[in-house]
């Protein structure tokens, strides 16, 4: 990536030479160019929120910025990209969306996230640290910035306007007006599950901002809950890509002897899964881990993996994440262990499972979804 301060070599994480997607886009370039052209004073505490793969903090590393992200993969990409650029460890402070933010923010740079709820939560968490002199600039592709996006900045921080579009990217300029009467943060959000969905019927769900389907049970998970395996005994089960943890909690309620590992690359999701599990007073053993799929889980140590893989990476449609989840599951499963997957019919996951496991059986289907089962031989 070409920046006003030189060239940067950047990759996504995990690094894959076959990956044709870049680790930055026009909105990152636009923001950096604006900062240089306007000679924006990058002094005091510089906070970068929502950096996708570390491009912004890598470019601004000389100013020792603080990165705040919901993504474990973003953190790993950032570490790798900083090291590639010869940046001293510790020059950039890496925080998650669950960590306390800095007490004072002098420059706030916001890469607009896909989730409006996550933007709301983060702006509300950061607002007390923003002062009248704080420089606030947001960035995103035109298709990511809506009237509702601007209204959030205006309602929480102060008067907001946008730039002209360049290369389908746009900037957001906000003039902070600190107020002691900011709106209350509605996150995390709690609701009650409907009846007729097995062990979690009528149970409580806790969703932190940015987690998929934050205010209701999505139809795919509902279908999956109706067709989960009914294993008993001391199984080691993984809720892979756990989201708010409803699936893993259902397993733990139905089989108290099971050991359930909740895994997601989102810090918000794992916090939601743990809150959901605790809110229902589940008796049993559970572990909550933020990570890159099943990396770090010992090979041959798992009896059952339950998975609803995403098929988007930010704005890009890709099956790369699903493939990594499936290969990770095959490695982690013991012989005879099973991977159960739910997905949209059109995604054709049965082809990938047959290629990887040598087998794939249809457990259930409706007009939109399929539940598939693959066994490690």
Protein backbone atom coordinates (compact mmCIF):
# COMPACT_ATOMS: atom_id res chain seq x y z
CA UNK A 1 0.00 0.00 0.00
CA UNK A 2 1.27 3.44 -0.96
CA UNK A 3 0.94 5.99 1.86
CA UNK A 4 2.08 9.62 2.17
CA UNK A 5 4.90 8.29 4.36
CA UNK A 6 6.10 5.51 2.11
CA UNK A 7 5.28 1.99 0.91
CA UNK A 8 3.91 -0.71 3.22
CA UNK A 9 3.91 -4.46 2.62
CA UNK A 10 0.65 -5.77 4.09
CA UNK A 11 -1.16 -9.10 4.16
CA UNK A 12 -4.32 -10.48 5.67
CA UNK A 13 -4.25 -13.19 8.33
CA UNK A 14 -3.75 -16.07 8.06
CA UNK A 15 -1.38 -15.29 5.23
CA UNK A 16 -2.20 -17.22 2.07
CA UNK A 17 -0.29 -16.55 -1.17
CA UNK A 18 -3.38 -17.66 -3.13
CA UNK A 19 -5.55 -15.00 -1.49
CA UNK A 20 -6.26 -12.27 -4.04
CA UNK A 21 -7.92 -9.94 -1.50
CA UNK A 22 -5.86 -6.98 -0.33
CA UNK A 23 -5.24 -6.03 3.28
CA UNK A 24 -6.45 -2.47 2.64
CA UNK A 25 -8.91 -0.59 0.45
CA UNK A 26 -9.56 2.88 -0.96
CA UNK A 27 -11.08 4.10 2.30
CA UNK A 28 -7.84 3.41 4.19
CA UNK A 29 -5.87 5.27 1.52
CA UNK A 30 -8.32 8.19 1.52
CA UNK A 31 -8.09 8.65 5.29
CA UNK A 32 -4.28 8.55 5.34
CA UNK A 33 -4.05 10.95 2.42
CA UNK A 34 -6.43 13.37 4.18
CA UNK A 35 -4.40 13.29 7.40
CA UNK A 36 -1.21 14.12 5.48
CA UNK A 37 -2.73 16.82 3.25
CA UNK A 38 -4.42 18.58 6.16
CA UNK A 39 -1.29 18.19 8.28
CA UNK A 40 -3.49 16.80 11.04
CA UNK A 41 -1.61 16.95 14.35
CA UNK A 42 -1.20 13.30 15.34
CA UNK A 43 -0.15 14.04 18.90
CA UNK A 44 -1.47 12.91 22.24
CA UNK A 45 -3.45 9.67 22.24
CA UNK A 46 -4.33 8.49 18.73
CA UNK A 47 -7.03 5.81 18.68
CA UNK A 48 -7.89 3.74 15.60
CA UNK A 49 -11.19 1.83 15.78
CA UNK A 50 -12.18 -0.91 13.35
CA UNK A 51 -8.91 -1.18 11.42
CA UNK A 52 -9.54 -4.20 9.16
CA UNK A 53 -6.06 -5.74 8.83
CA UNK A 54 -3.81 -3.23 10.56
CA UNK A 55 -3.18 -0.99 7.53
CA UNK A 56 -4.03 2.23 9.39
CA UNK A 57 -1.98 1.60 12.52
CA UNK A 58 0.93 0.27 10.44
CA UNK A 59 0.96 3.54 8.49
CA UNK A 60 0.69 5.61 11.69
CA UNK A 61 3.00 3.48 13.85
CA UNK A 62 5.40 6.40 14.40
CA UNK A 63 2.64 8.10 16.41
CA UNK A 64 2.17 5.08 18.71
CA UNK A 65 -1.56 4.66 18.08
CA UNK A 66 -4.00 2.53 20.04
CA UNK A 67 -5.92 0.00 17.97
CA UNK A 68 -9.37 -1.16 19.11
CA UNK A 69 -10.82 -4.15 17.28
CA UNK A 70 -13.41 -6.89 17.69
CA UNK A 71 -11.37 -9.30 15.58
CA UNK A 72 -8.67 -11.73 16.69
CA UNK A 73 -7.64 -12.10 13.04
CA UNK A 74 -7.21 -8.34 12.78
CA UNK A 75 -4.94 -8.35 15.81
CA UNK A 76 -2.82 -11.15 14.37
CA UNK A 77 -2.64 -9.44 10.97
CA UNK A 78 -1.65 -6.20 12.69
CA UNK A 79 1.15 -7.86 14.64
CA UNK A 80 2.47 -9.50 11.47
CA UNK A 81 2.24 -6.31 9.40
CA UNK A 82 3.95 -4.23 12.08
CA UNK A 83 6.76 -6.77 12.36
CA UNK A 84 7.09 -6.83 8.57
CA UNK A 85 7.56 -3.06 8.65
CA UNK A 86 10.21 -3.27 11.37
CA UNK A 87 8.03 -1.57 14.00
CA UNK A 88 9.21 -2.10 17.56
CA UNK A 89 6.87 -4.37 19.61
CA UNK A 90 4.76 -2.25 21.91
CA UNK A 91 4.80 0.82 19.66
CA UNK A 92 1.15 0.13 18.88
CA UNK A 93 -1.16 -0.74 21.76
CA UNK A 94 -3.65 -3.45 20.76
CA UNK A 95 -7.00 -3.42 22.58
CA UNK A 96 -10.19 -5.39 22.03
CA UNK A 97 -13.73 -4.03 22.01
CA UNK A 98 -14.13 -5.63 25.44
CA UNK A 99 -11.16 -3.79 26.99
CA UNK A 100 -11.51 -0.45 28.82
CA UNK A 101 -10.69 2.32 26.31
CA UNK A 102 -8.10 5.05 26.97
CA UNK A 103 -9.13 7.75 29.46
CA UNK A 104 -8.39 10.54 26.97
CA UNK A 105 -8.50 10.53 23.17
CA UNK A 106 -6.94 13.34 21.13
CA UNK A 107 -7.34 11.83 17.66
CA UNK A 108 -10.10 9.32 16.91
CA UNK A 109 -10.02 7.50 13.56
CA UNK A 110 -12.96 5.20 12.85
CA UNK A 111 -13.09 2.59 10.10
CA UNK A 112 -16.88 2.20 9.84
CA UNK A 113 -17.85 -1.40 10.66
CA UNK A 114 -20.48 -3.44 8.87
CA UNK A 115 -22.55 -3.53 12.07
CA UNK A 116 -24.30 -0.30 13.01
CA UNK A 117 -24.83 -1.73 16.51
CA UNK A 118 -21.08 -2.22 16.98
CA UNK A 119 -20.47 1.36 15.85
CA UNK A 120 -23.06 2.61 18.34
CA UNK A 121 -21.56 0.60 21.20
CA UNK A 122 -18.02 1.73 20.44
CA UNK A 123 -18.86 5.41 20.06
CA UNK A 124 -20.76 5.34 23.35
CA UNK A 125 -17.85 3.62 25.11
CA UNK A 126 -15.33 6.10 23.67
CA UNK A 127 -17.39 9.29 24.07
CA UNK A 128 -16.35 10.03 27.69
CA UNK A 129 -12.69 10.16 26.56
CA UNK A 130 -13.39 12.56 23.68
CA UNK A 131 -12.97 16.29 24.33
CA UNK A 132 -13.69 19.48 22.37
CA UNK A 133 -10.26 19.44 20.77
CA UNK A 134 -10.39 15.81 19.65
CA UNK A 135 -9.96 15.31 15.90
CA UNK A 136 -12.60 12.78 14.78
CA UNK A 137 -12.45 11.33 11.26
CA UNK A 138 -14.31 8.28 10.02
CA UNK A 139 -13.78 6.38 6.79
CA UNK A 140 -15.50 3.71 4.76
CA UNK A 141 -16.62 2.75 1.31
CA UNK A 142 -19.67 4.65 0.03
CA UNK A 143 -21.85 1.53 0.31
CA UNK A 144 -20.90 1.24 4.01
CA UNK A 145 -21.81 4.80 5.04
CA UNK A 146 -25.52 5.53 5.37
CA UNK A 147 -27.65 8.31 6.83
CA UNK A 148 -27.99 6.18 9.97
CA UNK A 149 -24.18 6.04 10.25
CA UNK A 150 -23.91 9.83 10.24
CA UNK A 151 -26.81 10.15 12.67
CA UNK A 152 -24.96 7.95 15.16
CA UNK A 153 -21.86 10.15 15.07
CA UNK A 154 -24.05 13.24 15.43
CA UNK A 155 -26.17 11.86 18.28
CA UNK A 156 -23.27 10.53 20.31
CA UNK A 157 -20.34 12.86 19.57
CA UNK A 158 -21.47 16.03 17.81
CA UNK A 159 -22.13 17.76 14.44
CA UNK A 160 -21.17 15.53 11.52
CA UNK A 161 -20.64 15.94 7.79
CA UNK A 162 -19.15 13.90 4.97
CA UNK A 163 -16.59 14.43 2.26
CA UNK A 164 -16.96 14.01 -1.46
CA UNK A 165 -16.47 10.43 -2.62
CA UNK A 166 -13.12 9.34 -4.05
CA UNK A 167 -12.64 5.88 -5.58
CA UNK A 168 -15.99 4.92 -4.02
CA UNK A 169 -14.72 5.85 -0.54
CA UNK A 170 -15.90 8.63 1.73
CA UNK A 171 -14.74 10.37 4.90
CA UNK A 172 -16.79 11.43 7.92
CA UNK A 173 -15.90 14.60 9.82
CA UNK A 174 -17.29 15.05 13.32
CA UNK A 175 -16.87 18.04 15.66
CA UNK A 176 -17.15 16.75 19.25
CA UNK A 177 -19.48 18.52 21.63
CA UNK A 178 -18.89 16.76 24.96
CA UNK A 179 -22.07 16.43 26.96
CA UNK A 180 -22.76 14.92 30.38
CA UNK A 181 -26.13 13.67 29.08
CA UNK A 182 -25.18 11.19 26.41
CA UNK A 183 -27.61 8.40 25.57
CA UNK A 184 -27.36 5.23 27.65
CA UNK A 185 -25.62 2.28 26.03
CA UNK A 186 -28.27 -0.37 25.18
CA UNK A 187 -25.64 -3.12 24.80
CA UNK A 188 -25.45 -5.94 25.67
CA UNK A 189 -29.01 -6.81 24.69
CA UNK A 190 -30.94 -9.62 26.38
CA UNK A 191 -33.98 -11.50 25.09
CA UNK A 192 -35.88 -14.74 25.70
CA UNK A 193 -35.82 -17.60 23.22
CA UNK A 194 -39.09 -18.99 21.84
CA UNK A 195 -40.55 -22.39 22.69
CA UNK A 196 -40.20 -25.44 20.49
CA UNK A 197 -36.43 -25.35 19.98
CA UNK A 198 -35.30 -28.08 22.34
CA UNK A 199 -33.20 -27.64 25.46
CA UNK A 200 -32.89 -23.85 25.12
CA UNK A 201 -36.62 -23.20 24.75
CA UNK A 202 -37.59 -20.17 26.83
CA UNK A 203 -33.98 -19.57 27.86
CA UNK A 204 -32.09 -16.27 27.97
CA UNK A 205 -29.73 -14.98 25.28
CA UNK A 206 -27.22 -12.18 25.84
CA UNK A 207 -25.87 -10.40 22.77
CA UNK A 208 -23.08 -7.87 22.73
CA UNK A 209 -23.13 -5.34 19.90
CA UNK A 210 -22.00 -6.61 16.51
CA UNK A 211 -22.97 -10.26 17.06
CA UNK A 212 -25.11 -11.69 14.27
CA UNK A 213 -28.88 -11.33 14.77
CA UNK A 214 -28.54 -9.42 18.04
CA UNK A 215 -32.25 -9.04 18.85
CA UNK A 216 -33.76 -12.35 17.78
CA UNK A 217 -32.99 -15.99 16.99
CA UNK A 218 -31.93 -16.26 13.35
CA UNK A 219 -33.76 -18.82 11.23
CA UNK A 220 -30.62 -20.83 10.43
CA UNK A 221 -29.74 -21.37 14.09
CA UNK A 222 -33.37 -22.17 14.85
CA UNK A 223 -33.32 -24.90 12.20
CA UNK A 224 -29.99 -26.23 13.51
CA UNK A 225 -31.32 -26.40 17.09
CA UNK A 226 -34.10 -28.67 15.89
CA UNK A 227 -31.64 -31.18 14.43
CA UNK A 228 -28.67 -31.35 16.81
CA UNK A 229 -27.16 -34.76 17.60
CA UNK A 230 -28.48 -36.20 20.86
CA UNK A 231 -25.16 -37.48 22.21
CA UNK A 232 -24.80 -38.26 25.92
CA UNK A 233 -21.88 -38.76 28.24
CA UNK A 234 -18.49 -37.15 28.62
CA UNK A 235 -18.13 -35.82 25.09
CA UNK A 236 -15.83 -32.96 24.18
CA UNK A 237 -17.92 -30.69 21.96
CA UNK A 238 -16.90 -27.54 20.09
CA UNK A 239 -19.32 -24.77 19.16
CA UNK A 240 -17.14 -23.45 16.32
CA UNK A 241 -17.91 -19.89 15.31
CA UNK A 242 -20.11 -19.79 18.39
CA UNK A 243 -21.67 -16.32 18.00
CA UNK A 244 -23.90 -15.79 21.04
CA UNK A 245 -23.38 -19.40 22.16
CA UNK A 246 -26.96 -20.64 21.80
CA UNK A 247 -25.95 -23.89 20.09
CA UNK A 248 -23.25 -24.79 22.61
CA UNK A 249 -25.53 -23.85 25.50
CA UNK A 250 -28.21 -26.14 24.08
CA UNK A 251 -25.70 -29.02 24.03
CA UNK A 252 -24.61 -28.29 27.61
CA UNK A 253 -28.22 -28.19 28.84
CA UNK A 254 -29.13 -31.44 27.08
CA UNK A 255 -25.96 -33.23 28.16
CA UNK A 256 -24.52 -31.87 31.45
CA UNK A 257 -21.63 -34.35 31.24
CA UNK A 258 -20.33 -32.78 28.03
CA UNK A 259 -17.33 -30.47 27.97
CA UNK A 260 -18.18 -27.62 25.62
CA UNK A 261 -15.59 -25.35 24.00
CA UNK A 262 -17.00 -22.09 22.59
CA UNK A 263 -14.72 -20.61 19.90
CA UNK A 264 -15.02 -17.50 17.78
CA UNK A 265 -12.64 -14.95 16.27
CA UNK A 266 -14.87 -12.13 17.56
CA UNK A 267 -14.26 -10.85 21.08
CA UNK A 268 -17.86 -9.61 21.18
CA UNK A 269 -19.15 -13.07 20.23
CA UNK A 270 -17.17 -14.97 22.86
CA UNK A 271 -18.25 -12.47 25.53
CA UNK A 272 -21.86 -13.03 24.39
CA UNK A 273 -21.48 -16.82 24.47
CA UNK A 274 -20.10 -16.77 28.00
CA UNK A 275 -22.83 -14.36 29.17
CA UNK A 276 -25.53 -16.55 27.60
CA UNK A 277 -24.09 -19.69 29.20
CA UNK A 278 -23.82 -18.05 32.64
CA UNK A 279 -27.28 -16.44 32.42
CA UNK A 280 -28.86 -19.88 32.12
CA UNK A 281 -27.12 -21.41 35.13
CA UNK A 282 -25.79 -24.33 33.12
CA UNK A 283 -24.24 -27.10 35.19
CA UNK A 284 -21.18 -28.50 33.47
CA UNK A 285 -17.75 -27.65 32.14
CA UNK A 286 -17.28 -24.96 29.50
CA UNK A 287 -14.33 -23.09 28.01
CA UNK A 288 -14.54 -19.81 26.09
CA UNK A 289 -11.78 -19.02 23.62
CA UNK A 290 -11.13 -16.22 21.13
CA UNK A 291 -9.01 -17.57 18.30
CA UNK A 292 -8.54 -18.60 14.71
CA UNK A 293 -10.94 -21.51 14.56
CA UNK A 294 -9.51 -24.68 16.08
CA UNK A 295 -5.89 -23.57 15.95
CA UNK A 296 -4.33 -24.57 19.25
CA UNK A 297 -6.82 -27.39 19.93
CA UNK A 298 -4.87 -30.67 20.14
CA UNK A 299 -5.32 -33.06 17.22
CA UNK A 300 -7.66 -35.97 17.88
CA UNK A 301 -9.06 -34.44 21.08
CA UNK A 302 -12.64 -33.62 20.08
CA UNK A 303 -15.73 -35.80 19.72
CA UNK A 304 -18.13 -33.40 18.04
CA UNK A 305 -17.85 -30.06 16.19
CA UNK A 306 -20.95 -27.96 15.51
CA UNK A 307 -20.49 -25.24 12.90
CA UNK A 308 -22.43 -22.54 11.06
CA UNK A 309 -19.60 -21.05 8.97
CA UNK A 310 -19.73 -17.46 7.68
CA UNK A 311 -19.43 -16.93 3.95
CA UNK A 312 -18.43 -13.26 4.08
CA UNK A 313 -15.16 -11.58 5.04
CA UNK A 314 -16.21 -7.96 5.53
CA UNK A 315 -17.71 -7.08 2.12
CA UNK A 316 -16.18 -10.01 0.20
CA UNK A 317 -18.03 -13.27 -0.39
CA UNK A 318 -15.63 -16.16 0.16
CA UNK A 319 -15.55 -19.80 1.26
CA UNK A 320 -12.02 -19.49 2.66
CA UNK A 321 -13.22 -19.26 6.28
CA UNK A 322 -15.51 -22.28 5.91
CA UNK A 323 -12.71 -24.34 4.37
CA UNK A 324 -10.35 -23.44 7.25
CA UNK A 325 -13.04 -24.37 9.76
CA UNK A 326 -13.66 -27.72 8.09
CA UNK A 327 -9.95 -28.60 7.83
CA UNK A 328 -9.41 -27.51 11.43
CA UNK A 329 -12.31 -29.69 12.55
CA UNK A 330 -10.95 -32.73 10.73
CA UNK A 331 -7.59 -32.32 12.45
CA UNK A 332 -9.12 -31.78 15.92
CA UNK A 333 -11.62 -34.66 15.73
CA UNK A 334 -10.75 -38.09 17.01
CA UNK A 335 -11.36 -41.07 14.68
CA UNK A 336 -15.11 -41.57 14.62
CA UNK A 337 -15.68 -37.95 15.66
CA UNK A 338 -18.28 -35.94 13.76
CA UNK A 339 -18.60 -32.50 12.19
CA UNK A 340 -22.15 -31.17 11.90
CA UNK A 341 -22.60 -28.17 9.64
CA UNK A 342 -25.57 -25.96 8.82
CA UNK A 343 -25.48 -23.75 5.76
CA UNK A 344 -27.52 -22.28 2.95
CA UNK A 345 -28.38 -24.92 0.37
CA UNK A 346 -26.70 -23.02 -2.48
CA UNK A 347 -23.28 -23.00 -0.79
CA UNK A 348 -22.67 -26.65 -1.63
CA UNK A 349 -20.80 -27.54 1.56
CA UNK A 350 -21.44 -31.25 0.94
CA UNK A 351 -18.88 -31.14 -1.90
CA UNK A 352 -16.17 -29.74 0.38
CA UNK A 353 -16.97 -32.19 3.16
CA UNK A 354 -16.80 -35.19 0.82
CA UNK A 355 -13.49 -33.97 -0.53
CA UNK A 356 -12.06 -33.53 2.97
CA UNK A 357 -13.68 -36.33 4.98
CA UNK A 358 -14.54 -38.76 2.19
CA UNK A 359 -18.18 -38.68 3.28
CA UNK A 360 -21.10 -36.34 3.89
CA UNK A 361 -24.66 -37.23 4.90
CA UNK A 362 -27.71 -35.00 4.73
CA UNK A 363 -29.32 -34.88 8.18
CA UNK A 364 -32.13 -32.42 7.47
CA UNK A 365 -33.13 -29.77 4.95
CA UNK A 366 -35.78 -27.20 4.18
CA UNK A 367 -36.25 -24.69 1.38
CA UNK A 368 -33.23 -22.65 2.50
CA UNK A 369 -30.93 -24.67 4.77
CA UNK A 370 -29.23 -28.04 5.00
CA UNK A 371 -27.71 -29.78 8.01
CA UNK A 372 -24.81 -32.03 7.03
CA UNK A 373 -22.83 -34.62 8.97
CA UNK A 374 -19.29 -35.77 8.18
CA UNK A 375 -17.42 -38.48 10.11
CA UNK A 376 -13.65 -38.68 10.51
CA UNK A 377 -12.59 -42.16 9.45
